[in-house]
C-alpha atoms as a PDB file:
ATOM      1  CA  MET A   1       0.000   0.000   0.000  1.00  0.00           C
ATOM      2  CA  ARG A   2       1.017   3.624  -0.456  1.00  0.00           C
ATOM      3  CA  ALA A   3       1.509   5.590   2.750  1.00  0.00           C
ATOM      4  CA  MET A   4       2.918   8.892   3.985  1.00  0.00           C
ATOM      5  CA  VAL A   5       5.411   8.235   6.790  1.00  0.00           C
ATOM      6  CA  LEU A   6       6.972  10.470   9.440  1.00  0.00           C
ATOM      7  CA  ASP A   7      10.536   9.330  10.168  1.00  0.00           C
ATOM      8  CA  ALA A   8      11.535  12.096  12.587  1.00  0.00           C
ATOM      9  CA  ALA A   9      10.090  15.316  13.975  1.00  0.00           C
ATOM     10  CA  ARG A  10      10.373  18.478  11.894  1.00  0.00           C
ATOM     11  CA  ARG A  11      10.908  16.523   8.683  1.00  0.00           C
ATOM     12  CA  PRO A  12       8.519  16.243   5.735  1.00  0.00           C
ATOM     13  CA  LEU A  13       6.423  13.103   5.431  1.00  0.00           C
ATOM     14  CA  ARG A  14       7.829  10.524   3.035  1.00  0.00           C
ATOM     15  CA  LEU A  15       5.718   8.744   0.415  1.00  0.00           C
ATOM     16  CA  THR A  16       6.543   5.034   0.480  1.00  0.00           C
ATOM     17  CA  GLU A  17       5.098   1.566   0.060  1.00  0.00           C
ATOM     18  CA  LEU A  18       4.340  -0.616   3.089  1.00  0.00           C
ATOM     19  CA  PRO A  19       2.819  -4.069   3.480  1.00  0.00           C
ATOM     20  CA  ILE A  20      -0.950  -4.080   3.915  1.00  0.00           C
ATOM     21  CA  PRO A  21      -1.437  -4.768   7.643  1.00  0.00           C
ATOM     22  CA  GLU A  22      -3.240  -7.860   8.937  1.00  0.00           C
ATOM     23  CA  PRO A  23      -6.058  -7.330  11.456  1.00  0.00           C
ATOM     24  CA  GLY A  24      -5.327  -8.880  14.850  1.00  0.00           C
ATOM     25  CA  PRO A  25      -7.777  -9.995  17.530  1.00  0.00           C
ATOM     26  CA  GLY A  26     -10.710  -7.583  17.768  1.00  0.00           C
ATOM     27  CA  GLN A  27      -9.469  -5.552  14.807  1.00  0.00           C
ATOM     28  CA  VAL A  28     -10.837  -4.730  11.377  1.00  0.00           C
ATOM     29  CA  LEU A  29      -8.897  -3.877   8.233  1.00  0.00           C
ATOM     30  CA  LEU A  30     -10.211  -0.783   6.450  1.00  0.00           C
ATOM     31  CA  LYS A  31      -9.550   0.296   2.905  1.00  0.00           C
ATOM     32  CA  VAL A  32      -9.140   4.024   3.553  1.00  0.00           C
ATOM     33  CA  THR A  33     -11.106   6.360   1.323  1.00  0.00           C
ATOM     34  CA  ALA A  34     -10.533   9.669   3.122  1.00  0.00           C
ATOM     35  CA  CYS A  35      -8.536  11.010   6.057  1.00  0.00           C
ATOM     36  CA  ALA A  36      -8.855  14.571   7.306  1.00  0.00           C
ATOM     37  CA  VAL A  37      -5.798  16.585   8.291  1.00  0.00           C
ATOM     38  CA  CYS A  38      -5.884  17.801  11.884  1.00  0.00           C
ATOM     39  CA  ARG A  39      -3.883  20.420  13.746  1.00  0.00           C
ATOM     40  CA  THR A  40      -2.806  17.604  16.080  1.00  0.00           C
ATOM     41  CA  ASP A  41      -1.011  16.087  13.076  1.00  0.00           C
ATOM     42  CA  ILE A  42       0.958  19.333  12.836  1.00  0.00           C
ATOM     43  CA  HIS A  43       1.864  19.153  16.532  1.00  0.00           C
ATOM     44  CA  ILE A  44       3.180  15.611  15.942  1.00  0.00           C
ATOM     45  CA  VAL A  45       5.121  16.487  12.794  1.00  0.00           C
ATOM     46  CA  ASP A  46       6.558  19.634  14.405  1.00  0.00           C
ATOM     47  CA  GLY A  47       7.705  17.739  17.497  1.00  0.00           C
ATOM     48  CA  GLU A  48       5.348  19.481  19.933  1.00  0.00           C
ATOM     49  CA  LEU A  49       3.827  16.120  20.875  1.00  0.00           C
ATOM     50  CA  ALA A  50       7.008  14.317  21.659  1.00  0.00           C
ATOM     51  CA  GLU A  51       6.169  10.608  21.994  1.00  0.00           C
ATOM     52  CA  PRO A  52       4.972   9.344  18.588  1.00  0.00           C
ATOM     53  CA  GLN A  53       5.639   5.731  17.630  1.00  0.00           C
ATOM     54  CA  LEU A  54       8.229   6.361  14.879  1.00  0.00           C
ATOM     55  CA  PRO A  55       8.336   5.703  12.018  1.00  0.00           C
ATOM     56  CA  LEU A  56       4.687   6.735  11.970  1.00  0.00           C
ATOM     57  CA  VAL A  57       1.795   6.903   9.535  1.00  0.00           C
ATOM     58  CA  PRO A  58      -0.145   9.944  10.856  1.00  0.00           C
ATOM     59  CA  GLY A  59      -3.861  10.642  10.543  1.00  0.00           C
ATOM     60  CA  HIS A  60      -6.792  10.060  12.882  1.00  0.00           C
ATOM     61  CA  GLU A  61      -9.916  11.245  11.070  1.00  0.00           C
ATOM     62  CA  ILE A  62     -10.314   8.151   8.941  1.00  0.00           C
ATOM     63  CA  VAL A  63     -13.177   6.921   6.796  1.00  0.00           C
ATOM     64  CA  GLY A  64     -12.925   3.553   5.112  1.00  0.00           C
ATOM     65  CA  GLU A  65     -14.576   0.322   4.059  1.00  0.00           C
ATOM     66  CA  VAL A  66     -14.144  -2.895   6.053  1.00  0.00           C
ATOM     67  CA  VAL A  67     -12.383  -5.469   3.886  1.00  0.00           C
ATOM     68  CA  ARG A  68     -11.167  -8.020   6.448  1.00  0.00           C
ATOM     69  CA  LEU A  69     -11.978  -9.047  10.021  1.00  0.00           C
ATOM     70  CA  GLY A  70      -9.672 -10.230  12.776  1.00  0.00           C
ATOM     71  CA  PRO A  71     -10.697 -12.859  15.341  1.00  0.00           C
ATOM     72  CA  GLY A  72     -13.374 -11.528  17.670  1.00  0.00           C
ATOM     73  CA  ALA A  73     -14.653  -8.800  15.315  1.00  0.00           C
ATOM     74  CA  ALA A  74     -17.469 -10.867  13.789  1.00  0.00           C
ATOM     75  CA  SER A  75     -20.080  -8.283  14.818  1.00  0.00           C
ATOM     76  CA  ILE A  76     -18.783  -6.013  12.019  1.00  0.00           C
ATOM     77  CA  ALA A  77     -19.951  -6.654   8.458  1.00  0.00           C
ATOM     78  CA  ILE A  78     -17.545  -6.779   5.527  1.00  0.00           C
ATOM     79  CA  GLY A  79     -18.263  -3.738   3.347  1.00  0.00           C
ATOM     80  CA  SER A  80     -19.343  -1.544   6.294  1.00  0.00           C
ATOM     81  CA  ARG A  81     -18.309   2.113   6.118  1.00  0.00           C
ATOM     82  CA  LEU A  82     -16.681   3.075   9.406  1.00  0.00           C
ATOM     83  CA  GLY A  83     -14.913   6.067  10.882  1.00  0.00           C
ATOM     84  CA  VAL A  84     -11.840   5.856  13.112  1.00  0.00           C
ATOM     85  CA  PRO A  85     -10.996   8.722  15.522  1.00  0.00           C
ATOM     86  CA  TRP A  86      -8.016   9.760  17.674  1.00  0.00           C
ATOM     87  CA  LEU A  87      -8.776   7.453  20.623  1.00  0.00           C
ATOM     88  CA  GLY A  88      -7.938   4.052  19.172  1.00  0.00           C
ATOM     89  CA  TRP A  89      -7.732   1.668  22.145  1.00  0.00           C
ATOM     90  CA  THR A  90      -8.325   1.604  25.894  1.00  0.00           C
ATOM     91  CA  CYS A  91      -7.693  -1.105  28.462  1.00  0.00           C
ATOM     92  CA  GLY A  92     -11.245  -1.234  29.844  1.00  0.00           C
ATOM     93  CA  VAL A  93     -10.059  -2.119  33.366  1.00  0.00           C
ATOM     94  CA  CYS A  94      -8.271   0.933  34.850  1.00  0.00           C
ATOM     95  CA  ARG A  95     -10.057   3.250  37.264  1.00  0.00           C
ATOM     96  CA  PHE A  96     -10.845   5.742  34.506  1.00  0.00           C
ATOM     97  CA  CYS A  97     -12.309   3.150  32.140  1.00  0.00           C
ATOM     98  CA  GLN A  98     -14.358   1.684  34.982  1.00  0.00           C
ATOM     99  CA  ARG A  99     -15.992   5.008  35.828  1.00  0.00           C
ATOM    100  CA  GLY A 100     -16.847   6.048  32.278  1.00  0.00           C
ATOM    101  CA  GLN A 101     -13.781   8.234  31.657  1.00  0.00           C
ATOM    102  CA  GLU A 102     -12.081   6.004  29.109  1.00  0.00           C
ATOM    103  CA  ASN A 103     -10.665   9.109  27.437  1.00  0.00           C
ATOM    104  CA  LEU A 104      -8.294   9.330  30.441  1.00  0.00           C
ATOM    105  CA  CYS A 105      -7.304   5.635  30.361  1.00  0.00           C
ATOM    106  CA  ASP A 106      -3.883   4.910  31.868  1.00  0.00           C
ATOM    107  CA  ARG A 107      -2.857   2.846  28.837  1.00  0.00           C
ATOM    108  CA  ALA A 108      -4.814   4.524  26.039  1.00  0.00           C
ATOM    109  CA  ARG A 109      -3.403   4.350  22.519  1.00  0.00           C
ATOM    110  CA  PHE A 110      -4.017   6.940  19.832  1.00  0.00           C
ATOM    111  CA  THR A 111      -4.569   6.614  16.106  1.00  0.00           C
ATOM    112  CA  GLY A 112      -1.842   8.259  14.057  1.00  0.00           C
ATOM    113  CA  TYR A 113       0.347   8.775  17.145  1.00  0.00           C
ATOM    114  CA  THR A 114       0.950   5.536  19.040  1.00  0.00           C
ATOM    115  CA  LEU A 115      -0.980   3.469  16.475  1.00  0.00           C
ATOM    116  CA  PRO A 116      -0.634   3.585  12.677  1.00  0.00           C
ATOM    117  CA  GLY A 117      -2.975   6.156  11.167  1.00  0.00           C
ATOM    118  CA  GLY A 118      -4.894   6.927   8.023  1.00  0.00           C
ATOM    119  CA  TYR A 119      -2.426   8.680   5.727  1.00  0.00           C
ATOM    120  CA  ALA A 120      -2.360   5.353   3.880  1.00  0.00           C
ATOM    121  CA  GLN A 121      -4.483   3.154   1.655  1.00  0.00           C
ATOM    122  CA  TYR A 122      -5.237   0.682   4.458  1.00  0.00           C
ATOM    123  CA  VAL A 123      -5.379   0.799   8.249  1.00  0.00           C
ATOM    124  CA  VAL A 124      -6.290  -1.614  11.039  1.00  0.00           C
ATOM    125  CA  ALA A 125      -8.521  -0.432  13.875  1.00  0.00           C
ATOM    126  CA  ASP A 126     -10.005  -1.808  17.070  1.00  0.00           C
ATOM    127  CA  HIS A 127     -13.615  -2.605  16.177  1.00  0.00           C
ATOM    128  CA  ARG A 128     -14.747  -1.020  19.477  1.00  0.00           C
ATOM    129  CA  PHE A 129     -13.390   2.343  18.320  1.00  0.00           C
ATOM    130  CA  ALA A 130     -14.732   2.362  14.765  1.00  0.00           C
ATOM    131  CA  PHE A 131     -18.119   3.954  14.170  1.00  0.00           C
ATOM    132  CA  PRO A 132     -20.789   3.771  11.460  1.00  0.00           C
ATOM    133  CA  ILE A 133     -20.891   6.900   9.307  1.00  0.00           C
ATOM    134  CA  PRO A 134     -24.270   8.595   8.719  1.00  0.00           C
ATOM    135  CA  GLU A 135     -25.482   7.970   5.173  1.00  0.00           C
ATOM    136  CA  ARG A 136     -25.980  11.699   4.612  1.00  0.00           C
ATOM    137  CA  TYR A 137     -22.226  12.310   4.384  1.00  0.00           C
ATOM    138  CA  SER A 138     -19.768  11.469   1.654  1.00  0.00           C
ATOM    139  CA  ASP A 139     -16.413  10.053   2.741  1.00  0.00           C
ATOM    140  CA  VAL A 140     -14.752  13.467   2.352  1.00  0.00           C
ATOM    141  CA  GLU A 141     -17.499  15.217   4.327  1.00  0.00           C
ATOM    142  CA  ALA A 142     -17.467  12.594   7.072  1.00  0.00           C
ATOM    143  CA  ALA A 143     -13.721  12.579   7.778  1.00  0.00           C
ATOM    144  CA  PRO A 144     -13.565  15.956   9.641  1.00  0.00           C
ATOM    145  CA  LEU A 145     -16.469  14.882  11.859  1.00  0.00           C
ATOM    146  CA  LEU A 146     -14.159  12.322  13.473  1.00  0.00           C
ATOM    147  CA  CYS A 147     -11.959  14.829  15.328  1.00  0.00           C
ATOM    148  CA  ALA A 148     -12.932  18.411  14.547  1.00  0.00           C
ATOM    149  CA  GLY A 149     -16.485  17.246  15.152  1.00  0.00           C
ATOM    150  CA  LEU A 150     -15.981  14.860  18.061  1.00  0.00           C
ATOM    151  CA  ILE A 151     -13.455  16.845  20.093  1.00  0.00           C
ATOM    152  CA  GLY A 152     -15.337  20.012  19.239  1.00  0.00           C
ATOM    153  CA  TYR A 153     -18.567  18.466  20.477  1.00  0.00           C
ATOM    154  CA  ARG A 154     -16.983  17.294  23.746  1.00  0.00           C
ATOM    155  CA  SER A 155     -15.653  20.831  24.261  1.00  0.00           C
ATOM    156  CA  TYR A 156     -19.085  22.227  23.450  1.00  0.00           C
ATOM    157  CA  ARG A 157     -20.713  20.021  26.071  1.00  0.00           C
ATOM    158  CA  PHE A 158     -18.418  21.429  28.746  1.00  0.00           C
ATOM    159  CA  ALA A 159     -19.800  24.883  27.968  1.00  0.00           C
ATOM    160  CA  GLY A 160     -23.077  23.755  29.557  1.00  0.00           C
ATOM    161  CA  ASP A 161     -26.167  25.617  28.473  1.00  0.00           C
ATOM    162  CA  ALA A 162     -24.332  28.915  27.840  1.00  0.00           C
ATOM    163  CA  PRO A 163     -26.598  31.077  25.648  1.00  0.00           C
ATOM    164  CA  ARG A 164     -23.734  33.336  24.459  1.00  0.00           C
ATOM    165  CA  LEU A 165     -20.867  31.249  23.155  1.00  0.00           C
ATOM    166  CA  GLY A 166     -17.467  32.467  21.989  1.00  0.00           C
ATOM    167  CA  LEU A 167     -15.366  30.439  19.537  1.00  0.00           C
ATOM    168  CA  TYR A 168     -11.660  31.310  19.406  1.00  0.00           C
ATOM    169  CA  GLY A 169      -9.901  29.985  16.313  1.00  0.00           C
ATOM    170  CA  PHE A 170     -12.260  29.544  13.390  1.00  0.00           C
ATOM    171  CA  GLY A 171     -11.001  26.374  11.753  1.00  0.00           C
ATOM    172  CA  ALA A 172     -12.358  22.876  11.218  1.00  0.00           C
ATOM    173  CA  ALA A 173     -13.878  22.436  14.693  1.00  0.00           C
ATOM    174  CA  ALA A 174     -15.425  25.901  14.945  1.00  0.00           C
ATOM    175  CA  HIS A 175     -16.976  25.737  11.482  1.00  0.00           C
ATOM    176  CA  ILE A 176     -18.837  22.608  12.644  1.00  0.00           C
ATOM    177  CA  LEU A 177     -19.671  23.827  16.159  1.00  0.00           C
ATOM    178  CA  VAL A 178     -21.181  27.138  15.069  1.00  0.00           C
ATOM    179  CA  GLN A 179     -23.796  25.153  13.147  1.00  0.00           C
ATOM    180  CA  VAL A 180     -24.592  22.930  16.138  1.00  0.00           C
ATOM    181  CA  ALA A 181     -24.843  25.938  18.454  1.00  0.00           C
ATOM    182  CA  ARG A 182     -27.157  27.873  16.125  1.00  0.00           C
ATOM    183  CA  HIS A 183     -29.317  24.756  15.691  1.00  0.00           C
ATOM    184  CA  GLN A 184     -29.714  24.627  19.474  1.00  0.00           C
ATOM    185  CA  GLY A 185     -30.579  28.306  19.767  1.00  0.00           C
ATOM    186  CA  ARG A 186     -27.255  29.629  21.040  1.00  0.00           C
ATOM    187  CA  ARG A 187     -25.805  32.983  20.045  1.00  0.00           C
ATOM    188  CA  VAL A 188     -22.292  32.628  18.625  1.00  0.00           C
ATOM    189  CA  PHE A 189     -19.452  35.155  18.688  1.00  0.00           C
ATOM    190  CA  ALA A 190     -16.430  34.154  16.582  1.00  0.00           C
ATOM    191  CA  PHE A 191     -12.821  35.268  17.150  1.00  0.00           C
ATOM    192  CA  VAL A 192     -10.196  34.923  14.422  1.00  0.00           C
ATOM    193  CA  ARG A 193      -6.524  35.758  14.163  1.00  0.00           C
ATOM    194  CA  PRO A 194      -5.973  39.511  13.599  1.00  0.00           C
ATOM    195  CA  GLY A 195      -6.153  40.392   9.927  1.00  0.00           C
ATOM    196  CA  ASP A 196      -7.908  37.206   8.791  1.00  0.00           C
ATOM    197  CA  ASP A 197     -10.950  38.793   7.199  1.00  0.00           C
ATOM    198  CA  GLU A 198     -11.682  35.660   5.158  1.00  0.00           C
ATOM    199  CA  ALA A 199     -12.213  33.711   8.408  1.00  0.00           C
ATOM    200  CA  ARG A 200     -14.459  36.506   9.717  1.00  0.00           C
ATOM    201  CA  ARG A 201     -16.636  36.270   6.610  1.00  0.00           C
ATOM    202  CA  HIS A 202     -16.708  32.492   6.884  1.00  0.00           C
ATOM    203  CA  ALA A 203     -17.932  32.652  10.486  1.00  0.00           C
ATOM    204  CA  LEU A 204     -20.684  35.110   9.603  1.00  0.00           C
ATOM    205  CA  ASP A 205     -21.727  33.007   6.612  1.00  0.00           C
ATOM    206  CA  LEU A 206     -22.187  29.999   8.921  1.00  0.00           C
ATOM    207  CA  GLY A 207     -24.353  31.818  11.432  1.00  0.00           C
ATOM    208  CA  ALA A 208     -22.169  33.705  13.898  1.00  0.00           C
ATOM    209  CA  GLU A 209     -23.906  36.960  14.819  1.00  0.00           C
ATOM    210  CA  TRP A 210     -20.565  38.716  15.330  1.00  0.00           C
ATOM    211  CA  ALA A 211     -17.032  37.948  14.171  1.00  0.00           C
ATOM    212  CA  GLY A 212     -13.948  39.870  15.196  1.00  0.00           C
ATOM    213  CA  TYR A 213     -10.272  39.529  15.905  1.00  0.00           C
ATOM    214  CA  SER A 214      -9.077  37.528  18.905  1.00  0.00           C
ATOM    215  CA  ASN A 215      -7.793  40.687  20.639  1.00  0.00           C
ATOM    216  CA  GLU A 216     -11.128  42.495  20.287  1.00  0.00           C
ATOM    217  CA  ALA A 217     -14.034  42.709  22.705  1.00  0.00           C
ATOM    218  CA  PRO A 218     -17.346  41.207  21.601  1.00  0.00           C
ATOM    219  CA  PRO A 219     -20.411  43.470  21.732  1.00  0.00           C
ATOM    220  CA  GLU A 220     -21.486  41.829  25.007  1.00  0.00           C
ATOM    221  CA  PRO A 221     -19.993  39.401  27.559  1.00  0.00           C
ATOM    222  CA  LEU A 222     -19.775  35.678  26.824  1.00  0.00           C
ATOM    223  CA  ASP A 223     -21.276  32.947  28.985  1.00  0.00           C
ATOM    224  CA  ALA A 224     -18.658  30.465  27.778  1.00  0.00           C
ATOM    225  CA  ALA A 225     -15.727  30.406  25.375  1.00  0.00           C
ATOM    226  CA  LEU A 226     -14.238  27.477  23.459  1.00  0.00           C
ATOM    227  CA  LEU A 227     -10.565  27.766  22.474  1.00  0.00           C
ATOM    228  CA  PHE A 228      -9.461  25.832  19.401  1.00  0.00           C
ATOM    229  CA  ALA A 229      -6.434  27.982  18.595  1.00  0.00           C
ATOM    230  CA  PRO A 230      -3.320  26.542  20.349  1.00  0.00           C
ATOM    231  CA  VAL A 231      -2.382  29.928  21.788  1.00  0.00           C
ATOM    232  CA  GLY A 232      -2.031  30.112  25.572  1.00  0.00           C
ATOM    233  CA  ALA A 233      -2.329  33.909  25.566  1.00  0.00           C
ATOM    234  CA  LEU A 234      -5.968  33.512  24.526  1.00  0.00           C
ATOM    235  CA  VAL A 235      -6.900  32.008  27.905  1.00  0.00           C
ATOM    236  CA  PRO A 236      -6.670  35.293  29.867  1.00  0.00           C
ATOM    237  CA  GLU A 237      -8.126  37.100  26.838  1.00  0.00           C
ATOM    238  CA  ALA A 238     -11.155  34.797  26.873  1.00  0.00           C
ATOM    239  CA  LEU A 239     -11.513  35.105  30.657  1.00  0.00           C
ATOM    240  CA  LEU A 240     -11.593  38.876  30.230  1.00  0.00           C
ATOM    241  CA  ARG A 241     -14.516  38.513  27.824  1.00  0.00           C
ATOM    242  CA  THR A 242     -16.426  35.951  29.890  1.00  0.00           C
ATOM    243  CA  GLU A 243     -19.237  36.749  32.299  1.00  0.00           C
ATOM    244  CA  ARG A 244     -19.036  35.807  35.974  1.00  0.00           C
ATOM    245  CA  GLY A 245     -19.863  32.133  36.415  1.00  0.00           C
ATOM    246  CA  GLY A 246     -18.697  31.410  32.855  1.00  0.00           C
ATOM    247  CA  THR A 247     -16.340  28.739  31.564  1.00  0.00           C
ATOM    248  CA  VAL A 248     -13.344  28.839  29.243  1.00  0.00           C
ATOM    249  CA  VAL A 249     -12.772  25.455  27.604  1.00  0.00           C
ATOM    250  CA  CYS A 250      -9.414  24.615  26.000  1.00  0.00           C
ATOM    251  CA  GLY A 251     -10.197  22.139  23.240  1.00  0.00           C
ATOM    252  CA  GLY A 252      -6.733  21.307  21.901  1.00  0.00           C
ATOM    253  CA  ILE A 253      -4.284  18.575  22.869  1.00  0.00           C
ATOM    254  CA  HIS A 254      -1.404  21.055  22.729  1.00  0.00           C
ATOM    255  CA  MET A 255      -1.216  24.755  23.593  1.00  0.00           C
ATOM    256  CA  SER A 256       1.584  27.230  24.101  1.00  0.00           C
ATOM    257  CA  ASP A 257       2.179  28.264  27.707  1.00  0.00           C
ATOM    258  CA  ILE A 258      -0.533  30.318  29.372  1.00  0.00           C
ATOM    259  CA  PRO A 259       0.946  33.620  30.587  1.00  0.00           C
ATOM    260  CA  SER A 260       0.364  34.775  34.148  1.00  0.00           C
ATOM    261  CA  PHE A 261      -2.751  36.854  34.666  1.00  0.00           C
ATOM    262  CA  PRO A 262      -4.379  38.653  37.604  1.00  0.00           C
ATOM    263  CA  TYR A 263      -6.634  36.591  39.839  1.00  0.00           C
ATOM    264  CA  ALA A 264      -9.382  39.132  39.180  1.00  0.00           C
ATOM    265  CA  LEU A 265      -9.872  37.580  35.715  1.00  0.00           C
ATOM    266  CA  LEU A 266     -10.685  34.214  37.268  1.00  0.00           C
ATOM    267  CA  TRP A 267     -12.574  35.495  40.284  1.00  0.00           C
ATOM    268  CA  GLY A 268     -16.362  35.521  40.153  1.00  0.00           C
ATOM    269  CA  GLU A 269     -16.632  31.739  39.800  1.00  0.00           C
ATOM    270  CA  ARG A 270     -15.197  31.656  36.311  1.00  0.00           C
ATOM    271  CA  SER A 271     -13.467  28.402  35.419  1.00  0.00           C
ATOM    272  CA  VAL A 272     -10.874  27.129  32.968  1.00  0.00           C
ATOM    273  CA  ARG A 273     -10.822  23.495  31.914  1.00  0.00           C
ATOM    274  CA  SER A 274      -9.214  21.288  29.285  1.00  0.00           C
ATOM    275  CA  VAL A 275     -10.642  18.585  27.069  1.00  0.00           C
ATOM    276  CA  ALA A 276      -8.755  15.312  26.619  1.00  0.00           C
ATOM    277  CA  ASN A 277      -9.494  12.973  23.740  1.00  0.00           C
ATOM    278  CA  LEU A 278     -13.062  11.661  23.479  1.00  0.00           C
ATOM    279  CA  THR A 279     -15.214   8.748  24.561  1.00  0.00           C
ATOM    280  CA  ARG A 280     -17.125   6.276  22.438  1.00  0.00           C
ATOM    281  CA  GLN A 281     -20.336   7.814  23.726  1.00  0.00           C
ATOM    282  CA  ASP A 282     -19.224  11.214  22.413  1.00  0.00           C
ATOM    283  CA  ALA A 283     -18.826   9.625  18.981  1.00  0.00           C
ATOM    284  CA  LEU A 284     -22.210   7.909  19.045  1.00  0.00           C
ATOM    285  CA  ASP A 285     -23.997  11.046  20.262  1.00  0.00           C
ATOM    286  CA  PHE A 286     -22.389  13.453  17.811  1.00  0.00           C
ATOM    287  CA  LEU A 287     -22.700  11.202  14.764  1.00  0.00           C
ATOM    288  CA  GLU A 288     -26.407  10.916  15.571  1.00  0.00           C
ATOM    289  CA  LEU A 289     -26.784  14.696  16.019  1.00  0.00           C
ATOM    290  CA  ALA A 290     -24.783  15.885  12.994  1.00  0.00           C
ATOM    291  CA  PRO A 291     -27.291  14.865  10.298  1.00  0.00           C
ATOM    292  CA  GLN A 292     -30.167  16.286  12.352  1.00  0.00           C
ATOM    293  CA  VAL A 293     -28.685  19.803  12.339  1.00  0.00           C
ATOM    294  CA  PRO A 294     -27.670  19.106   9.550  1.00  0.00           C
ATOM    295  CA  VAL A 295     -23.976  19.959   9.846  1.00  0.00           C
ATOM    296  CA  ARG A 296     -22.481  21.010   6.509  1.00  0.00           C
ATOM    297  CA  VAL A 297     -18.793  20.176   6.211  1.00  0.00           C
ATOM    298  CA  GLU A 298     -16.576  22.321   3.999  1.00  0.00           C
ATOM    299  CA  ALA A 299     -13.448  20.534   2.830  1.00  0.00           C
ATOM    300  CA  GLN A 300     -10.437  21.223   0.641  1.00  0.00           C
ATOM    301  CA  VAL A 301      -9.338  17.939  -0.921  1.00  0.00           C
ATOM    302  CA  TYR A 302      -5.725  16.846  -1.485  1.00  0.00           C
ATOM    303  CA  PRO A 303      -4.370  13.574  -2.875  1.00  0.00           C
ATOM    304  CA  LEU A 304      -2.481  11.386  -0.410  1.00  0.00           C
ATOM    305  CA  GLU A 305       0.905  12.294  -1.851  1.00  0.00           C
ATOM    306  CA  ALA A 306       0.186  16.009  -1.218  1.00  0.00           C
ATOM    307  CA  ALA A 307      -0.094  15.509   2.564  1.00  0.00           C
ATOM    308  CA  ASN A 308       2.857  17.835   3.198  1.00  0.00           C
ATOM    309  CA  GLU A 309       1.126  20.567   1.181  1.00  0.00           C
ATOM    310  CA  ALA A 310      -2.085  20.088   3.158  1.00  0.00           C
ATOM    311  CA  LEU A 311      -0.191  20.322   6.467  1.00  0.00           C
ATOM    312  CA  ALA A 312       1.545  23.502   5.318  1.00  0.00           C
ATOM    313  CA  ALA A 313      -1.740  25.079   4.244  1.00  0.00           C
ATOM    314  CA  LEU A 314      -3.319  24.263   7.612  1.00  0.00           C
ATOM    315  CA  ARG A 315      -0.268  25.517   9.521  1.00  0.00           C
ATOM    316  CA  GLU A 316      -0.417  28.825   7.624  1.00  0.00           C
ATOM    317  CA  GLY A 317      -4.170  29.315   8.050  1.00  0.00           C
ATOM    318  CA  ARG A 318      -5.017  28.810   4.365  1.00  0.00           C
ATOM    319  CA  ILE A 319      -7.738  26.180   4.870  1.00  0.00           C
ATOM    320  CA  ARG A 320     -11.420  27.157   4.831  1.00  0.00           C
ATOM    321  CA  GLY A 321     -13.203  24.467   6.834  1.00  0.00           C
ATOM    322  CA  ALA A 322     -11.102  21.288   6.811  1.00  0.00           C
ATOM    323  CA  ALA A 323      -8.383  19.679   4.694  1.00  0.00           C
ATOM    324  CA  VAL A 324      -8.990  16.078   3.615  1.00  0.00           C
ATOM    325  CA  LEU A 325      -6.700  13.551   1.940  1.00  0.00           C
ATOM    326  CA  THR A 326      -8.159  11.070  -0.523  1.00  0.00           C
ATOM    327  CA  MET A 327      -6.497   7.817  -1.534  1.00  0.00           C
ATOM    328  CA  ASP A 328      -7.582   7.378  -5.161  1.00  0.00           C
END
């Protein structure tokens, strides 16, 4: 099979040929049709997430067709279309798994980081962490739902019932979440990097009632803010814009250091919390909700061998919606 491989941090991915993997116990073999490109992939390639299983095939927003079953995966039908997200395996027995927090599992393994990912024509996946894709979505449309959608939705849940929601960083996750929030009657205020007027227009087109730069004040206080930009300096900025009793949710796996800020920004029962990974229930809930909204996914498509170009475009803020690799 053709695959894009990371040999070492801060080096371009290498196009190569690898043996098609064999599914082990409880695994399925998928013929990959699409894999979205995530900012987490950039953090891995750039060495900001420092423990990848090298050499590595990145990619964790995978859509594919089941072509072979391993022992113990008989509940999955050959020919099924499944999606594979970041959380690829958990032990099921640690204290976190036992209390419904499998996203914090002591021994969790992650697709495209400690497990081979979807920048390839085939991938094996644990059948417990592979999910049916709603018929409404094409393979390209479905791929971003598997991280931008799922992690975004988990972050969104932690905002509670906040009627005025701020979204910092208007990329793949925010372009999905603004649609969910508007569907549920929330008011959305979007914050983009200074000077990015294209992102401002995009946010307004998708239903935000206001869109401004990340260093600007919204027209009224926020009840909650979701941070998808990996910029620690946005935490005190978001706290400044958030009403007493509000929550600032950091939705990324990596963020630059948060600078010191006066306690007065946190006082008034404001809170700051992070989001780690996802659970299977998050996936089931969001993939049921998305077609009801219905969420419209905007994607820029690249062939597999152009993965380095897609990563560069995402790194430089040149992607509207999401970037998706296709294998044909």
